[in-house]
Structures are given as structure tokens and as C-alpha cells.
C-alpha atoms as a PDB file:
ATOM      1  CA  MET A   1     -14.029 -40.461 -10.780  1.00  0.00           C
ATOM      2  CA  GLN A   2     -11.640 -43.410 -10.846  1.00  0.00           C
ATOM      3  CA  ASN A   3      -9.429 -43.789 -13.934  1.00  0.00           C
ATOM      4  CA  LEU A   4     -10.764 -47.083 -15.299  1.00  0.00           C
ATOM      5  CA  TYR A   5      -7.752 -47.503 -17.581  1.00  0.00           C
ATOM      6  CA  THR A   6      -5.426 -47.923 -14.588  1.00  0.00           C
ATOM      7  CA  LEU A   7      -7.236 -51.114 -13.534  1.00  0.00           C
ATOM      8  CA  PRO A   8      -5.817 -54.524 -14.453  1.00  0.00           C
ATOM      9  CA  ALA A   9      -6.748 -56.317 -17.654  1.00  0.00           C
ATOM     10  CA  VAL A  10      -9.966 -58.332 -17.718  1.00  0.00           C
ATOM     11  CA  ASP A  11      -9.694 -62.103 -18.139  1.00  0.00           C
ATOM     12  CA  ASP A  12     -10.895 -63.188 -21.608  1.00  0.00           C
ATOM     13  CA  GLY A  13     -13.299 -65.684 -20.015  1.00  0.00           C
ATOM     14  CA  ALA A  14     -15.137 -62.867 -18.232  1.00  0.00           C
ATOM     15  CA  PHE A  15     -16.414 -61.313 -21.468  1.00  0.00           C
ATOM     16  CA  GLU A  16     -19.948 -61.949 -22.728  1.00  0.00           C
ATOM     17  CA  ASN A  17     -20.769 -61.699 -26.448  1.00  0.00           C
ATOM     18  CA  PHE A  18     -23.650 -59.680 -27.845  1.00  0.00           C
ATOM     19  CA  CYS A  19     -23.797 -60.637 -31.511  1.00  0.00           C
ATOM     20  CA  GLY A  20     -25.562 -59.131 -34.486  1.00  0.00           C
ATOM     21  CA  GLY A  21     -25.685 -61.910 -37.049  1.00  0.00           C
ATOM     22  CA  ASN A  22     -22.088 -63.015 -37.584  1.00  0.00           C
ATOM     23  CA  LEU A  23     -22.200 -62.210 -41.275  1.00  0.00           C
ATOM     24  CA  ASN A  24     -18.429 -62.460 -41.675  1.00  0.00           C
ATOM     25  CA  GLY A  25     -17.744 -65.678 -39.777  1.00  0.00           C
ATOM     26  CA  GLU A  26     -18.104 -66.886 -36.239  1.00  0.00           C
ATOM     27  CA  HIS A  27     -18.287 -64.050 -33.700  1.00  0.00           C
ATOM     28  CA  GLU A  28     -17.241 -61.395 -36.222  1.00  0.00           C
ATOM     29  CA  SER A  29     -20.280 -59.181 -35.594  1.00  0.00           C
ATOM     30  CA  CYS A  30     -20.135 -59.072 -31.806  1.00  0.00           C
ATOM     31  CA  ILE A  31     -19.450 -56.590 -29.072  1.00  0.00           C
ATOM     32  CA  ASP A  32     -17.988 -58.171 -25.957  1.00  0.00           C
ATOM     33  CA  VAL A  33     -18.605 -56.762 -22.478  1.00  0.00           C
ATOM     34  CA  ALA A  34     -17.238 -57.642 -19.037  1.00  0.00           C
ATOM     35  CA  ALA A  35     -17.401 -56.121 -15.580  1.00  0.00           C
ATOM     36  CA  LEU A  36     -14.144 -54.489 -14.506  1.00  0.00           C
ATOM     37  CA  PRO A  37     -12.740 -56.080 -11.366  1.00  0.00           C
ATOM     38  CA  GLY A  38     -11.934 -53.489  -8.738  1.00  0.00           C
ATOM     39  CA  ALA A  39     -14.441 -50.917  -9.976  1.00  0.00           C
ATOM     40  CA  GLU A  40     -18.077 -50.887  -8.969  1.00  0.00           C
ATOM     41  CA  GLU A  41     -20.523 -50.746 -11.881  1.00  0.00           C
ATOM     42  CA  SER A  42     -17.830 -50.325 -14.557  1.00  0.00           C
ATOM     43  CA  PHE A  43     -17.265 -52.281 -17.738  1.00  0.00           C
ATOM     44  CA  ALA A  44     -14.840 -53.060 -20.536  1.00  0.00           C
ATOM     45  CA  LEU A  45     -16.250 -53.259 -24.065  1.00  0.00           C
ATOM     46  CA  ARG A  46     -14.371 -54.618 -27.048  1.00  0.00           C
ATOM     47  CA  ASP A  47     -14.816 -55.538 -30.690  1.00  0.00           C
ATOM     48  CA  SER A  48     -14.809 -59.271 -31.446  1.00  0.00           C
ATOM     49  CA  LYS A  49     -13.140 -58.880 -34.858  1.00  0.00           C
ATOM     50  CA  PRO A  50      -9.470 -59.894 -35.053  1.00  0.00           C
ATOM     51  CA  GLU A  51      -8.565 -56.341 -36.097  1.00  0.00           C
ATOM     52  CA  GLY A  52      -9.929 -55.073 -32.784  1.00  0.00           C
ATOM     53  CA  ALA A  53      -7.896 -57.441 -30.626  1.00  0.00           C
ATOM     54  CA  GLY A  54      -6.317 -55.822 -27.602  1.00  0.00           C
ATOM     55  CA  ARG A  55      -8.417 -52.651 -27.742  1.00  0.00           C
ATOM     56  CA  GLU A  56     -10.987 -51.827 -25.090  1.00  0.00           C
ATOM     57  CA  LEU A  57     -13.340 -49.047 -24.220  1.00  0.00           C
ATOM     58  CA  ARG A  58     -13.866 -48.741 -20.479  1.00  0.00           C
ATOM     59  CA  ALA A  59     -16.947 -47.014 -19.121  1.00  0.00           C
ATOM     60  CA  THR A  60     -19.152 -46.731 -16.063  1.00  0.00           C
ATOM     61  CA  ALA A  61     -22.604 -48.302 -16.008  1.00  0.00           C
ATOM     62  CA  THR A  62     -24.125 -44.825 -16.299  1.00  0.00           C
ATOM     63  CA  GLU A  63     -22.080 -44.085 -19.417  1.00  0.00           C
ATOM     64  CA  VAL A  64     -23.022 -47.409 -21.016  1.00  0.00           C
ATOM     65  CA  ASP A  65     -26.697 -46.969 -20.084  1.00  0.00           C
ATOM     66  CA  ASP A  66     -26.752 -43.446 -21.552  1.00  0.00           C
ATOM     67  CA  PHE A  67     -25.206 -44.739 -24.770  1.00  0.00           C
ATOM     68  CA  VAL A  68     -27.584 -47.706 -25.069  1.00  0.00           C
ATOM     69  CA  ILE A  69     -30.696 -45.605 -24.439  1.00  0.00           C
ATOM     70  CA  GLY A  70     -29.547 -42.840 -26.797  1.00  0.00           C
ATOM     71  CA  TRP A  71     -28.608 -45.325 -29.522  1.00  0.00           C
ATOM     72  CA  ALA A  72     -31.940 -47.160 -29.219  1.00  0.00           C
ATOM     73  CA  LYS A  73     -33.883 -43.895 -29.475  1.00  0.00           C
ATOM     74  CA  LYS A  74     -31.857 -42.704 -32.462  1.00  0.00           C
ATOM     75  CA  ARG A  75     -32.397 -46.021 -34.246  1.00  0.00           C
ATOM     76  CA  GLY A  76     -36.092 -46.253 -33.324  1.00  0.00           C
ATOM     77  CA  LEU A  77     -35.543 -49.433 -31.321  1.00  0.00           C
ATOM     78  CA  ALA A  78     -37.714 -50.501 -28.412  1.00  0.00           C
ATOM     79  CA  LEU A  79     -36.116 -51.687 -25.207  1.00  0.00           C
END
């Protein structure tokens, strides 16, 4: 498996916000996600809060899908 952390940084404009209410100001309750250039079906995820600036989690589509499905089941959410 390719080391996703060796790939170049993702342009800020490539990130898409998934927000959960913005209770603490504009875009403070969001998770941002962007495709990683140079890696097929791989993504960078980051926190939109100022305290999370510059930190990313990089994962394959399979890893993200497994997380999303597991989280939805655990929380009783329907997809």
C-alpha cells in the first residue's frame, strides 16, 4: 500500500465541507474532505476548527467507507 503521507499537500480549494450545524460560528462544526492527487481513491480529511489547522488524516476510500458505515451503524443512522 502506498504511503499517503508522502504525497504532496492538497490545495485548500479542493476540500469540500460536511457540516453539522456550525454551533460555534461559521464552519466550526465541519469535517473537510478532498481527494489526494496522485493516489487513486484516497482522501485527506481535516477538522475545520482553527485549532485543527494544518492537521490531516489520510485514508483510502475503503478505510473511509468502513469508518462511515461502522459509525452510522453504531449511531443508529440510516444511509
